[in-house]
Structure formats: C-alpha cells, structure tokens
Amino acid sequence: VISNTANVFQGAVAAACEDIPHFWLIHEFPEREFQYYAKKNEVYF
C-alpha cells in the first residue's frame, strides 16, 4: 500500500490489518504547514 500524503492514514491501517508493507510518500512539510500532527502524537504516543 502506498500513501501519497500525510493527511490520510487509512492506507497505513489497512496495510497493518492485512500484514502487508505500507509506504508513505509525504509531500507536505509538517513542521510548519501541519503543526497539529505534533499535538496528535502527544495524545497517541
């Protein structure tokens, strides 16, 4: 499974459920454009 953005996580979940590889091709810059990821990581990790 290949995900072409950081905004969609369903590919990662589907790959984990089927025990197959998942590859992220992230084109965004999460440090500035998507700062909410840092807050998500604090909650889940």
PDB file of N, CA and C in Angstrom:
ATOM      1  N   VAL A   1       0.859  -1.167   0.000  1.00  0.00           N
ATOM      2  CA  VAL A   1       0.000   0.000   0.000  1.00  0.00           C
ATOM      3  C   VAL A   1       0.903   1.227   0.000  1.00  0.00           C
ATOM      4  N   ILE A   2       0.575   2.204  -0.805  1.00  0.00           N
ATOM      5  CA  ILE A   2       1.336   3.452  -0.870  1.00  0.00           C
ATOM      6  C   ILE A   2       0.399   4.612  -0.560  1.00  0.00           C
ATOM      7  N   SER A   3       0.768   5.429   0.414  1.00  0.00           N
ATOM      8  CA  SER A   3       0.028   6.646   0.733  1.00  0.00           C
ATOM      9  C   SER A   3       0.830   7.820   0.195  1.00  0.00           C
ATOM     10  N   ASN A   4       0.166   8.728  -0.489  1.00  0.00           N
ATOM     11  CA  ASN A   4       0.831   9.827  -1.169  1.00  0.00           C
ATOM     12  C   ASN A   4       0.699  11.147  -0.420  1.00  0.00           C
ATOM     13  N   THR A   5       0.253  11.100   0.828  1.00  0.00           N
ATOM     14  CA  THR A   5       0.078  12.301   1.631  1.00  0.00           C
ATOM     15  C   THR A   5       0.106  11.937   3.101  1.00  0.00           C
ATOM     16  N   ALA A   6       0.413  12.899   3.941  1.00  0.00           N
ATOM     17  CA  ALA A   6       0.414  12.657   5.384  1.00  0.00           C
ATOM     18  C   ALA A   6      -0.980  12.813   5.978  1.00  0.00           C
ATOM     19  N   ASN A   7      -1.905  13.368   5.214  1.00  0.00           N
ATOM     20  CA  ASN A   7      -3.234  13.671   5.732  1.00  0.00           C
ATOM     21  C   ASN A   7      -4.182  12.482   5.761  1.00  0.00           C
ATOM     22  N   VAL A   8      -3.831  11.401   5.118  1.00  0.00           N
ATOM     23  CA  VAL A   8      -4.715  10.238   5.041  1.00  0.00           C
ATOM     24  C   VAL A   8      -4.005   9.050   5.683  1.00  0.00           C
ATOM     25  N   PHE A   9      -4.611   8.465   6.697  1.00  0.00           N
ATOM     26  CA  PHE A   9      -3.975   7.372   7.420  1.00  0.00           C
ATOM     27  C   PHE A   9      -4.595   6.008   7.130  1.00  0.00           C
ATOM     28  N   GLN A  10      -5.666   5.953   6.369  1.00  0.00           N
ATOM     29  CA  GLN A  10      -6.377   4.701   6.145  1.00  0.00           C
ATOM     30  C   GLN A  10      -5.517   3.642   5.460  1.00  0.00           C
ATOM     31  N   GLY A  11      -4.605   4.046   4.593  1.00  0.00           N
ATOM     32  CA  GLY A  11      -3.715   3.092   3.939  1.00  0.00           C
ATOM     33  C   GLY A  11      -2.826   2.379   4.941  1.00  0.00           C
ATOM     34  N   ALA A  12      -2.332   3.115   5.927  1.00  0.00           N
ATOM     35  CA  ALA A  12      -1.488   2.520   6.967  1.00  0.00           C
ATOM     36  C   ALA A  12      -2.281   1.528   7.804  1.00  0.00           C
ATOM     37  N   VAL A  13      -3.504   1.873   8.128  1.00  0.00           N
ATOM     38  CA  VAL A  13      -4.353   0.977   8.919  1.00  0.00           C
ATOM     39  C   VAL A  13      -4.682  -0.280   8.128  1.00  0.00           C
ATOM     40  N   ALA A  14      -5.053  -0.115   6.863  1.00  0.00           N
ATOM     41  CA  ALA A  14      -5.386  -1.271   6.024  1.00  0.00           C
ATOM     42  C   ALA A  14      -4.185  -2.194   5.857  1.00  0.00           C
ATOM     43  N   ALA A  15      -3.014  -1.622   5.644  1.00  0.00           N
ATOM     44  CA  ALA A  15      -1.806  -2.433   5.491  1.00  0.00           C
ATOM     45  C   ALA A  15      -1.498  -3.195   6.774  1.00  0.00           C
ATOM     46  N   ALA A  16      -1.655  -2.545   7.906  1.00  0.00           N
ATOM     47  CA  ALA A  16      -1.409  -3.215   9.187  1.00  0.00           C
ATOM     48  C   ALA A  16      -2.400  -4.353   9.411  1.00  0.00           C
ATOM     49  N   CYS A  17      -3.658  -4.131   9.061  1.00  0.00           N
ATOM     50  CA  CYS A  17      -4.679  -5.176   9.230  1.00  0.00           C
ATOM     51  C   CYS A  17      -4.402  -6.386   8.348  1.00  0.00           C
ATOM     52  N   GLU A  18      -3.868  -6.149   7.172  1.00  0.00           N
ATOM     53  CA  GLU A  18      -3.588  -7.238   6.228  1.00  0.00           C
ATOM     54  C   GLU A  18      -2.149  -7.746   6.322  1.00  0.00           C
ATOM     55  N   ASP A  19      -1.363  -7.160   7.221  1.00  0.00           N
ATOM     56  CA  ASP A  19       0.036  -7.544   7.431  1.00  0.00           C
ATOM     57  C   ASP A  19       0.850  -7.459   6.138  1.00  0.00           C
ATOM     58  N   ILE A  20       0.685  -6.324   5.436  1.00  0.00           N
ATOM     59  CA  ILE A  20       1.443  -6.063   4.213  1.00  0.00           C
ATOM     60  C   ILE A  20       2.180  -4.730   4.378  1.00  0.00           C
ATOM     61  N   PRO A  21       3.237  -4.498   3.605  1.00  0.00           N
ATOM     62  CA  PRO A  21       4.010  -3.257   3.754  1.00  0.00           C
ATOM     63  C   PRO A  21       3.205  -2.007   3.392  1.00  0.00           C
ATOM     64  N   HIS A  22       3.554  -0.925   4.043  1.00  0.00           N
ATOM     65  CA  HIS A  22       2.953   0.377   3.755  1.00  0.00           C
ATOM     66  C   HIS A  22       4.073   1.389   3.587  1.00  0.00           C
ATOM     67  N   PHE A  23       3.988   2.200   2.557  1.00  0.00           N
ATOM     68  CA  PHE A  23       4.994   3.219   2.277  1.00  0.00           C
ATOM     69  C   PHE A  23       4.334   4.587   2.244  1.00  0.00           C
ATOM     70  N   TRP A  24       4.922   5.546   2.973  1.00  0.00           N
ATOM     71  CA  TRP A  24       4.450   6.922   2.954  1.00  0.00           C
ATOM     72  C   TRP A  24       5.289   7.712   1.951  1.00  0.00           C
ATOM     73  N   LEU A  25       4.642   8.429   1.057  1.00  0.00           N
ATOM     74  CA  LEU A  25       5.305   9.400   0.184  1.00  0.00           C
ATOM     75  C   LEU A  25       4.760  10.767   0.590  1.00  0.00           C
ATOM     76  N   ILE A  26       5.392  11.359   1.570  1.00  0.00           N
ATOM     77  CA  ILE A  26       4.876  12.595   2.157  1.00  0.00           C
ATOM     78  C   ILE A  26       5.458  13.794   1.419  1.00  0.00           C
ATOM     79  N   HIS A  27       4.583  14.633   0.905  1.00  0.00           N
ATOM     80  CA  HIS A  27       4.996  15.811   0.145  1.00  0.00           C
ATOM     81  C   HIS A  27       4.808  17.101   0.939  1.00  0.00           C
ATOM     82  N   GLU A  28       4.132  17.005   2.063  1.00  0.00           N
ATOM     83  CA  GLU A  28       3.902  18.190   2.882  1.00  0.00           C
ATOM     84  C   GLU A  28       5.102  18.430   3.793  1.00  0.00           C
ATOM     85  N   PHE A  29       5.100  19.578   4.424  1.00  0.00           N
ATOM     86  CA  PHE A  29       6.111  19.927   5.405  1.00  0.00           C
ATOM     87  C   PHE A  29       5.420  20.059   6.761  1.00  0.00           C
ATOM     88  N   PRO A  30       5.302  18.984   7.522  1.00  0.00           N
ATOM     89  CA  PRO A  30       4.523  19.003   8.767  1.00  0.00           C
ATOM     90  C   PRO A  30       5.014  20.006   9.802  1.00  0.00           C
ATOM     91  N   GLU A  31       6.261  20.398   9.771  1.00  0.00           N
ATOM     92  CA  GLU A  31       6.781  21.309  10.787  1.00  0.00           C
ATOM     93  C   GLU A  31       6.065  22.659  10.786  1.00  0.00           C
ATOM     94  N   ARG A  32       5.710  23.155   9.638  1.00  0.00           N
ATOM     95  CA  ARG A  32       5.086  24.477   9.583  1.00  0.00           C
ATOM     96  C   ARG A  32       3.638  24.424   9.111  1.00  0.00           C
ATOM     97  N   GLU A  33       3.366  23.649   8.091  1.00  0.00           N
ATOM     98  CA  GLU A  33       2.038  23.654   7.500  1.00  0.00           C
ATOM     99  C   GLU A  33       1.026  22.836   8.292  1.00  0.00           C
ATOM    100  N   PHE A  34       1.482  21.776   8.942  1.00  0.00           N
ATOM    101  CA  PHE A  34       0.565  20.863   9.613  1.00  0.00           C
ATOM    102  C   PHE A  34       1.003  20.665  11.058  1.00  0.00           C
ATOM    103  N   GLN A  35       1.037  21.721  11.822  1.00  0.00           N
ATOM    104  CA  GLN A  35       1.535  21.649  13.192  1.00  0.00           C
ATOM    105  C   GLN A  35       0.641  20.816  14.097  1.00  0.00           C
ATOM    106  N   TYR A  36      -0.587  20.549  13.677  1.00  0.00           N
ATOM    107  CA  TYR A  36      -1.473  19.748  14.522  1.00  0.00           C
ATOM    108  C   TYR A  36      -0.986  18.318  14.669  1.00  0.00           C
ATOM    109  N   TYR A  37      -0.088  17.839  13.804  1.00  0.00           N
ATOM    110  CA  TYR A  37       0.445  16.481  13.955  1.00  0.00           C
ATOM    111  C   TYR A  37       1.204  16.326  15.263  1.00  0.00           C
ATOM    112  N   ALA A  38       1.912  17.355  15.675  1.00  0.00           N
ATOM    113  CA  ALA A  38       2.657  17.274  16.933  1.00  0.00           C
ATOM    114  C   ALA A  38       1.700  17.043  18.097  1.00  0.00           C
ATOM    115  N   LYS A  39       0.567  17.709  18.076  1.00  0.00           N
ATOM    116  CA  LYS A  39      -0.418  17.524  19.142  1.00  0.00           C
ATOM    117  C   LYS A  39      -1.044  16.138  19.070  1.00  0.00           C
ATOM    118  N   LYS A  40      -1.284  15.612  17.877  1.00  0.00           N
ATOM    119  CA  LYS A  40      -1.816  14.260  17.740  1.00  0.00           C
ATOM    120  C   LYS A  40      -0.839  13.245  18.317  1.00  0.00           C
ATOM    121  N   ASN A  41       0.451  13.411  18.032  1.00  0.00           N
ATOM    122  CA  ASN A  41       1.450  12.472  18.527  1.00  0.00           C
ATOM    123  C   ASN A  41       1.539  12.488  20.045  1.00  0.00           C
ATOM    124  N   GLU A  42       1.333  13.633  20.658  1.00  0.00           N
ATOM    125  CA  GLU A  42       1.370  13.709  22.115  1.00  0.00           C
ATOM    126  C   GLU A  42       0.251  12.885  22.725  1.00  0.00           C
ATOM    127  N   VAL A  43      -0.896  12.846  22.069  1.00  0.00           N
ATOM    128  CA  VAL A  43      -2.051  12.119  22.594  1.00  0.00           C
ATOM    129  C   VAL A  43      -1.876  10.624  22.413  1.00  0.00           C
ATOM    130  N   TYR A  44      -1.406  10.189  21.254  1.00  0.00           N
ATOM    131  CA  TYR A  44      -1.375   8.771  20.925  1.00  0.00           C
ATOM    132  C   TYR A  44      -0.072   8.076  21.277  1.00  0.00           C
ATOM    133  N   PHE A  45       1.031   8.820  21.389  1.00  0.00           N
ATOM    134  CA  PHE A  45       2.322   8.160  21.616  1.00  0.00           C
ATOM    135  C   PHE A  45       2.952   8.621  22.898  1.00  0.00           C
TER     136      PHE A  45
END
